[in-house]
Amino acid sequence: QVQLVESWGGVVQAGGALRLSCVASGRTLVNVDRGWYRQAPGKEREFVAMTRWTWRGYTSDYDDFAKDRFTISRDNAGNATYLEMNSLKPEDTAIYYCIVHVPGPVPVYYWGQGTQVTVSS
């Protein structure tokens, strides 16, 4: 069984930065997609960013709100995923969830428990 643990959320002023971390345990995950979603109060969970495994290497994609401010990265050796967030805005306030997608005939998804990010104005 795989467990994902997010950390390094917190409270930051508008314009500030945070770097979230997600570490997987249970087994080494290779050739998988790793990403982040978020859920703001009263809203549905939404996509933030993902790094996807391909035969040619890894690709990254972002939702429009994250493209110029957020950077996703991964450390396969350490079984970790990171999300660097800059120029944070109050509307970025949400619980941020880590996700791992294992491609295959029957896709498997693992979710972390989430880490709170609060951006004050």
C-alpha atoms as a PDB file:
ATOM      1  CA  GLN A   1       0.000   0.000   0.000  1.00  0.00           C
ATOM      2  CA  VAL A   2       1.252   3.463  -0.867  1.00  0.00           C
ATOM      3  CA  GLN A   3       0.938   6.390   1.502  1.00  0.00           C
ATOM      4  CA  LEU A   4       1.447  10.008   0.498  1.00  0.00           C
ATOM      5  CA  VAL A   5       2.272  12.627   3.091  1.00  0.00           C
ATOM      6  CA  GLU A   6       2.221  16.316   2.239  1.00  0.00           C
ATOM      7  CA  SER A   7       4.017  18.928   4.267  1.00  0.00           C
ATOM      8  CA  TRP A   8       5.212  22.553   4.385  1.00  0.00           C
ATOM      9  CA  GLY A   9       1.873  24.203   3.937  1.00  0.00           C
ATOM     10  CA  GLY A  10       1.251  27.211   6.141  1.00  0.00           C
ATOM     11  CA  VAL A  11       0.224  30.829   6.388  1.00  0.00           C
ATOM     12  CA  VAL A  12       1.888  33.382   4.153  1.00  0.00           C
ATOM     13  CA  GLN A  13       1.187  36.944   3.145  1.00  0.00           C
ATOM     14  CA  ALA A  14       0.086  37.814  -0.365  1.00  0.00           C
ATOM     15  CA  GLY A  15       3.083  37.955  -2.651  1.00  0.00           C
ATOM     16  CA  GLY A  16       4.944  35.384  -0.608  1.00  0.00           C
ATOM     17  CA  ALA A  17       6.090  31.890  -1.491  1.00  0.00           C
ATOM     18  CA  LEU A  18       5.799  28.328  -0.230  1.00  0.00           C
ATOM     19  CA  ARG A  19       7.289  25.020  -1.313  1.00  0.00           C
ATOM     20  CA  LEU A  20       5.085  22.012  -0.679  1.00  0.00           C
ATOM     21  CA  SER A  21       6.490  18.542  -0.362  1.00  0.00           C
ATOM     22  CA  CYS A  22       4.871  15.151  -0.867  1.00  0.00           C
ATOM     23  CA  VAL A  23       6.720  11.994   0.079  1.00  0.00           C
ATOM     24  CA  ALA A  24       5.511   8.538  -0.855  1.00  0.00           C
ATOM     25  CA  SER A  25       6.114   5.472   1.273  1.00  0.00           C
ATOM     26  CA  GLY A  26       5.151   1.851   1.036  1.00  0.00           C
ATOM     27  CA  ARG A  27       6.856   1.043  -2.229  1.00  0.00           C
ATOM     28  CA  THR A  28       9.048   2.712  -4.802  1.00  0.00           C
ATOM     29  CA  LEU A  29       6.963   4.280  -7.528  1.00  0.00           C
ATOM     30  CA  VAL A  30       8.441   4.294 -10.996  1.00  0.00           C
ATOM     31  CA  ASN A  31       6.983   5.341 -14.336  1.00  0.00           C
ATOM     32  CA  VAL A  32       4.107   7.144 -12.666  1.00  0.00           C
ATOM     33  CA  ASP A  33       2.475  10.542 -12.886  1.00  0.00           C
ATOM     34  CA  ARG A  34       2.794  12.829  -9.874  1.00  0.00           C
ATOM     35  CA  GLY A  35       0.813  15.944  -9.247  1.00  0.00           C
ATOM     36  CA  TRP A  36      -1.138  18.374  -7.129  1.00  0.00           C
ATOM     37  CA  TYR A  37      -4.770  19.320  -6.750  1.00  0.00           C
ATOM     38  CA  ARG A  38      -6.345  21.818  -4.418  1.00  0.00           C
ATOM     39  CA  GLN A  39      -9.706  22.469  -2.804  1.00  0.00           C
ATOM     40  CA  ALA A  40     -10.813  25.847  -1.531  1.00  0.00           C
ATOM     41  CA  PRO A  41     -13.633  26.213   1.003  1.00  0.00           C
ATOM     42  CA  GLY A  42     -16.992  25.686  -0.652  1.00  0.00           C
ATOM     43  CA  LYS A  43     -15.451  24.718  -3.972  1.00  0.00           C
ATOM     44  CA  GLU A  44     -14.715  21.507  -5.806  1.00  0.00           C
ATOM     45  CA  ARG A  45     -11.249  20.021  -5.936  1.00  0.00           C
ATOM     46  CA  GLU A  46      -9.334  21.397  -8.915  1.00  0.00           C
ATOM     47  CA  PHE A  47      -6.234  20.477 -10.848  1.00  0.00           C
ATOM     48  CA  VAL A  48      -3.049  22.437 -10.153  1.00  0.00           C
ATOM     49  CA  ALA A  49      -0.112  20.710 -11.840  1.00  0.00           C
ATOM     50  CA  MET A  50       1.177  17.312 -12.928  1.00  0.00           C
ATOM     51  CA  THR A  51       4.401  15.729 -14.080  1.00  0.00           C
ATOM     52  CA  ARG A  52       3.727  12.832 -16.395  1.00  0.00           C
ATOM     53  CA  TRP A  53       5.974   9.934 -17.208  1.00  0.00           C
ATOM     54  CA  THR A  54       6.564   9.198 -20.910  1.00  0.00           C
ATOM     55  CA  TRP A  55       9.058   7.005 -22.725  1.00  0.00           C
ATOM     56  CA  ARG A  56      10.943  10.157 -23.638  1.00  0.00           C
ATOM     57  CA  GLY A  57      11.080  11.477 -20.123  1.00  0.00           C
ATOM     58  CA  TYR A  58       8.850  13.603 -17.965  1.00  0.00           C
ATOM     59  CA  THR A  59       6.501  16.356 -19.059  1.00  0.00           C
ATOM     60  CA  SER A  60       4.782  18.930 -16.887  1.00  0.00           C
ATOM     61  CA  ASP A  61       1.488  20.723 -17.277  1.00  0.00           C
ATOM     62  CA  TYR A  62      -0.325  23.290 -15.225  1.00  0.00           C
ATOM     63  CA  ASP A  63      -3.712  24.816 -14.878  1.00  0.00           C
ATOM     64  CA  ASP A  64      -3.830  28.361 -16.241  1.00  0.00           C
ATOM     65  CA  PHE A  65      -3.726  30.015 -12.817  1.00  0.00           C
ATOM     66  CA  ALA A  66      -0.530  28.144 -11.949  1.00  0.00           C
ATOM     67  CA  LYS A  67       1.463  28.430 -15.157  1.00  0.00           C
ATOM     68  CA  ASP A  68       3.469  31.550 -14.389  1.00  0.00           C
ATOM     69  CA  ARG A  69       3.698  31.224 -10.617  1.00  0.00           C
ATOM     70  CA  PHE A  70       3.959  27.543  -9.676  1.00  0.00           C
ATOM     71  CA  THR A  71       6.616  24.980 -10.506  1.00  0.00           C
ATOM     72  CA  ILE A  72       6.217  21.247 -10.035  1.00  0.00           C
ATOM     73  CA  SER A  73       9.211  18.973  -9.667  1.00  0.00           C
ATOM     74  CA  ARG A  74       9.943  15.416  -8.627  1.00  0.00           C
ATOM     75  CA  ASP A  75      12.688  13.456  -6.998  1.00  0.00           C
ATOM     76  CA  ASN A  76      12.259   9.894  -8.104  1.00  0.00           C
ATOM     77  CA  ALA A  77      15.106   8.639  -5.965  1.00  0.00           C
ATOM     78  CA  GLY A  78      13.459  10.108  -2.926  1.00  0.00           C
ATOM     79  CA  ASN A  79       9.949   9.201  -4.038  1.00  0.00           C
ATOM     80  CA  ALA A  80       8.925  12.834  -3.649  1.00  0.00           C
ATOM     81  CA  THR A  81       6.981  15.532  -5.437  1.00  0.00           C
ATOM     82  CA  TYR A  82       7.331  19.241  -4.859  1.00  0.00           C
ATOM     83  CA  LEU A  83       5.268  22.299  -5.666  1.00  0.00           C
ATOM     84  CA  GLU A  84       6.990  25.653  -5.518  1.00  0.00           C
ATOM     85  CA  MET A  85       4.475  28.465  -5.326  1.00  0.00           C
ATOM     86  CA  ASN A  86       5.448  32.086  -5.838  1.00  0.00           C
ATOM     87  CA  SER A  87       3.545  35.368  -5.882  1.00  0.00           C
ATOM     88  CA  LEU A  88       0.804  33.803  -3.824  1.00  0.00           C
ATOM     89  CA  LYS A  89      -2.628  35.378  -3.798  1.00  0.00           C
ATOM     90  CA  PRO A  90      -5.483  35.125  -1.278  1.00  0.00           C
ATOM     91  CA  GLU A  91      -7.408  33.078  -3.856  1.00  0.00           C
ATOM     92  CA  ASP A  92      -4.690  30.428  -3.635  1.00  0.00           C
ATOM     93  CA  THR A  93      -5.938  29.623  -0.139  1.00  0.00           C
ATOM     94  CA  ALA A  94      -6.923  25.959  -0.160  1.00  0.00           C
ATOM     95  CA  ILE A  95      -6.039  22.501   0.980  1.00  0.00           C
ATOM     96  CA  TYR A  96      -3.409  21.143  -1.402  1.00  0.00           C
ATOM     97  CA  TYR A  97      -3.462  17.437  -2.164  1.00  0.00           C
ATOM     98  CA  CYS A  98      -0.734  15.305  -3.622  1.00  0.00           C
ATOM     99  CA  ILE A  99      -1.692  12.623  -6.130  1.00  0.00           C
ATOM    100  CA  VAL A 100       0.120   9.739  -7.774  1.00  0.00           C
ATOM    101  CA  HIS A 101      -1.355   8.094 -10.843  1.00  0.00           C
ATOM    102  CA  VAL A 102      -0.113   4.651 -11.810  1.00  0.00           C
ATOM    103  CA  PRO A 103      -0.959   4.137 -15.490  1.00  0.00           C
ATOM    104  CA  GLY A 104      -2.061   0.748 -16.713  1.00  0.00           C
ATOM    105  CA  PRO A 105      -4.996  -1.336 -17.847  1.00  0.00           C
ATOM    106  CA  VAL A 106      -6.545  -0.521 -14.493  1.00  0.00           C
ATOM    107  CA  PRO A 107      -5.270   2.920 -13.449  1.00  0.00           C
ATOM    108  CA  VAL A 108      -4.556   3.401  -9.787  1.00  0.00           C
ATOM    109  CA  TYR A 109      -4.686   6.709  -7.947  1.00  0.00           C
ATOM    110  CA  TYR A 110      -3.194   7.498  -4.577  1.00  0.00           C
ATOM    111  CA  TRP A 111      -4.050  10.654  -2.633  1.00  0.00           C
ATOM    112  CA  GLY A 112      -2.427  12.349   0.295  1.00  0.00           C
ATOM    113  CA  GLN A 113      -4.348  13.769   3.224  1.00  0.00           C
ATOM    114  CA  GLY A 114      -3.717  17.366   2.183  1.00  0.00           C
ATOM    115  CA  THR A 115      -1.876  20.345   3.581  1.00  0.00           C
ATOM    116  CA  GLN A 116      -3.462  23.713   4.285  1.00  0.00           C
ATOM    117  CA  VAL A 117      -2.182  26.805   2.521  1.00  0.00           C
ATOM    118  CA  THR A 118      -3.542  30.141   3.703  1.00  0.00           C
ATOM    119  CA  VAL A 119      -2.631  33.379   1.964  1.00  0.00           C
ATOM    120  CA  SER A 120      -3.507  36.541   3.865  1.00  0.00           C
ATOM    121  CA  SER A 121      -4.130  39.847   2.155  1.00  0.00           C
END
